[in-house]
Structure formats: C-alpha cells, structure tokens
Amino acid sequence: MELGGHVRVGFENAIVEASGKPAISNAERVAMVADIAATVRRPLMDSASAPLILE
C-alpha cells in the first residue's frame, strides 16, 4: 500500500492470522486492512471504482 499498490481482502484464503490465531470474519479482515491503509495514509476505494482497476 505504501508503494501505491492495491489490496484485495478475502477471508476465504486467509482464515488464520499471522500469529496463528483463527480469523473471526471477513469484516475483521476488512477492518484490519482499512486500519493499515489509514496508517500509511492510503485512501480506500469505493465499490463503484474498484471494478475499473480490474478491467
């Protein structure tokens, strides 16, 4: 994120935290990534804009 890349959050392929603790939900994952984005001052993309980078 700090270098300008995009992040996809997916609970289905990341069900365990780096510490080995089981992840609770996709919402937990999204909140974690949103916190990291805020820390590095990277704005979040809205749902209307996201498909545009996948074309």
N, C-alpha and C. Protein backbone atom coordinates (compact mmCIF):
# COMPACT_ATOMS: atom_id res chain seq x y z
N MET A 1 0.83 -1.19 0.00
CA MET A 1 0.00 0.00 0.00
C MET A 1 0.87 1.25 0.00
N GLU A 2 1.95 1.21 0.74
CA GLU A 2 2.80 2.40 0.81
C GLU A 2 3.41 2.76 -0.55
N LEU A 3 3.55 1.77 -1.41
CA LEU A 3 4.14 2.00 -2.73
C LEU A 3 3.09 2.24 -3.81
N GLY A 4 1.82 2.35 -3.42
CA GLY A 4 0.76 2.66 -4.36
C GLY A 4 0.00 1.47 -4.91
N GLY A 5 0.29 0.28 -4.41
CA GLY A 5 -0.41 -0.91 -4.88
C GLY A 5 -1.80 -1.02 -4.28
N HIS A 6 -2.57 -1.94 -4.84
CA HIS A 6 -3.93 -2.19 -4.36
C HIS A 6 -3.95 -3.47 -3.53
N VAL A 7 -4.93 -3.59 -2.66
CA VAL A 7 -5.05 -4.74 -1.78
C VAL A 7 -6.44 -5.34 -1.94
N ARG A 8 -6.49 -6.63 -2.09
CA ARG A 8 -7.76 -7.35 -2.11
C ARG A 8 -7.88 -8.09 -0.79
N VAL A 9 -9.00 -7.93 -0.13
CA VAL A 9 -9.22 -8.59 1.15
C VAL A 9 -10.14 -9.77 0.92
N GLY A 10 -9.68 -10.96 1.32
CA GLY A 10 -10.51 -12.15 1.15
C GLY A 10 -10.36 -13.11 2.31
N PHE A 11 -11.41 -13.30 3.04
CA PHE A 11 -11.41 -14.20 4.20
C PHE A 11 -11.23 -15.65 3.76
N GLU A 12 -11.73 -15.98 2.57
CA GLU A 12 -11.73 -17.37 2.15
C GLU A 12 -10.34 -17.97 1.98
N ASN A 13 -9.33 -17.13 1.75
CA ASN A 13 -7.98 -17.67 1.59
C ASN A 13 -7.02 -17.17 2.66
N ALA A 14 -7.54 -16.61 3.71
CA ALA A 14 -6.72 -16.13 4.82
C ALA A 14 -7.49 -16.30 6.12
N ILE A 15 -7.67 -17.55 6.51
CA ILE A 15 -8.52 -17.82 7.68
C ILE A 15 -7.74 -17.86 8.99
N VAL A 16 -6.42 -17.64 8.90
CA VAL A 16 -5.58 -17.65 10.09
C VAL A 16 -4.75 -16.38 10.13
N GLU A 17 -4.68 -15.74 11.30
CA GLU A 17 -3.85 -14.56 11.49
C GLU A 17 -2.37 -14.94 11.39
N ALA A 18 -1.51 -13.96 11.21
CA ALA A 18 -0.07 -14.21 11.17
C ALA A 18 0.41 -14.85 12.48
N SER A 19 -0.28 -14.55 13.57
CA SER A 19 0.08 -15.10 14.88
C SER A 19 -0.35 -16.56 15.04
N GLY A 20 -1.15 -17.06 14.10
CA GLY A 20 -1.68 -18.42 14.19
C GLY A 20 -3.09 -18.48 14.75
N LYS A 21 -3.60 -17.35 15.23
CA LYS A 21 -4.97 -17.27 15.76
C LYS A 21 -5.97 -17.34 14.61
N PRO A 22 -7.04 -18.12 14.74
CA PRO A 22 -8.05 -18.16 13.68
C PRO A 22 -8.70 -16.79 13.46
N ALA A 23 -8.88 -16.42 12.21
CA ALA A 23 -9.59 -15.18 11.89
C ALA A 23 -11.07 -15.37 12.21
N ILE A 24 -11.72 -14.32 12.63
CA ILE A 24 -13.12 -14.42 13.04
C ILE A 24 -14.08 -14.23 11.87
N SER A 25 -13.84 -13.23 11.03
CA SER A 25 -14.78 -12.94 9.95
C SER A 25 -14.12 -12.11 8.86
N ASN A 26 -14.79 -11.99 7.76
CA ASN A 26 -14.31 -11.13 6.68
C ASN A 26 -14.32 -9.67 7.12
N ALA A 27 -15.31 -9.28 7.91
CA ALA A 27 -15.39 -7.91 8.42
C ALA A 27 -14.15 -7.57 9.25
N GLU A 28 -13.67 -8.54 10.03
CA GLU A 28 -12.45 -8.34 10.81
C GLU A 28 -11.27 -8.08 9.87
N ARG A 29 -11.19 -8.84 8.79
CA ARG A 29 -10.11 -8.67 7.81
C ARG A 29 -10.18 -7.31 7.14
N VAL A 30 -11.37 -6.90 6.74
CA VAL A 30 -11.54 -5.60 6.08
C VAL A 30 -11.15 -4.48 7.04
N ALA A 31 -11.57 -4.57 8.29
CA ALA A 31 -11.23 -3.55 9.28
C ALA A 31 -9.72 -3.47 9.49
N MET A 32 -9.05 -4.62 9.52
CA MET A 32 -7.61 -4.65 9.71
C MET A 32 -6.89 -3.94 8.55
N VAL A 33 -7.31 -4.25 7.33
CA VAL A 33 -6.68 -3.63 6.16
C VAL A 33 -7.01 -2.13 6.09
N ALA A 34 -8.23 -1.76 6.47
CA ALA A 34 -8.60 -0.34 6.49
C ALA A 34 -7.74 0.42 7.51
N ASP A 35 -7.46 -0.20 8.64
CA ASP A 35 -6.59 0.42 9.65
C ASP A 35 -5.18 0.61 9.11
N ILE A 36 -4.66 -0.40 8.43
CA ILE A 36 -3.33 -0.29 7.84
C ILE A 36 -3.31 0.82 6.80
N ALA A 37 -4.34 0.87 5.95
CA ALA A 37 -4.42 1.91 4.93
C ALA A 37 -4.43 3.30 5.56
N ALA A 38 -5.15 3.46 6.64
CA ALA A 38 -5.19 4.76 7.33
C ALA A 38 -3.81 5.11 7.89
N THR A 39 -3.13 4.11 8.41
CA THR A 39 -1.80 4.34 8.98
C THR A 39 -0.81 4.84 7.93
N VAL A 40 -0.91 4.29 6.72
CA VAL A 40 0.00 4.70 5.64
C VAL A 40 -0.61 5.80 4.76
N ARG A 41 -1.73 6.35 5.23
CA ARG A 41 -2.43 7.45 4.55
C ARG A 41 -2.81 7.11 3.11
N ARG A 42 -3.32 5.92 2.94
CA ARG A 42 -3.79 5.45 1.64
C ARG A 42 -5.31 5.45 1.68
N PRO A 43 -5.98 6.23 0.82
CA PRO A 43 -7.45 6.25 0.84
C PRO A 43 -8.04 4.92 0.37
N LEU A 44 -9.22 4.62 0.88
CA LEU A 44 -9.92 3.42 0.45
C LEU A 44 -10.67 3.70 -0.84
N MET A 45 -10.80 2.68 -1.67
CA MET A 45 -11.53 2.81 -2.93
C MET A 45 -13.00 2.45 -2.68
N ASP A 46 -13.90 3.16 -3.30
CA ASP A 46 -15.31 2.81 -3.13
C ASP A 46 -15.68 1.67 -4.08
N SER A 47 -16.82 1.06 -3.82
CA SER A 47 -17.23 -0.13 -4.58
C SER A 47 -17.49 0.17 -6.05
N ALA A 48 -17.83 1.40 -6.38
CA ALA A 48 -18.06 1.76 -7.79
C ALA A 48 -16.74 1.87 -8.57
N SER A 49 -15.68 2.28 -7.89
CA SER A 49 -14.40 2.47 -8.57
C SER A 49 -13.58 1.18 -8.66
N ALA A 50 -13.77 0.27 -7.74
CA ALA A 50 -12.96 -0.93 -7.69
C ALA A 50 -12.96 -1.75 -9.00
N PRO A 51 -14.12 -1.98 -9.63
CA PRO A 51 -14.11 -2.76 -10.87
C PRO A 51 -13.29 -2.12 -12.00
N LEU A 52 -13.12 -0.82 -11.95
CA LEU A 52 -12.39 -0.14 -13.01
C LEU A 52 -10.92 -0.53 -13.09
N ILE A 53 -10.33 -0.90 -11.95
CA ILE A 53 -8.92 -1.30 -11.99
C ILE A 53 -8.74 -2.74 -12.41
N LEU A 54 -9.82 -3.50 -12.47
CA LEU A 54 -9.76 -4.90 -12.83
C LEU A 54 -9.96 -5.15 -14.32
N GLU A 55 -10.29 -4.10 -15.03
CA GLU A 55 -10.56 -4.26 -16.48
C GLU A 55 -9.29 -4.53 -17.25
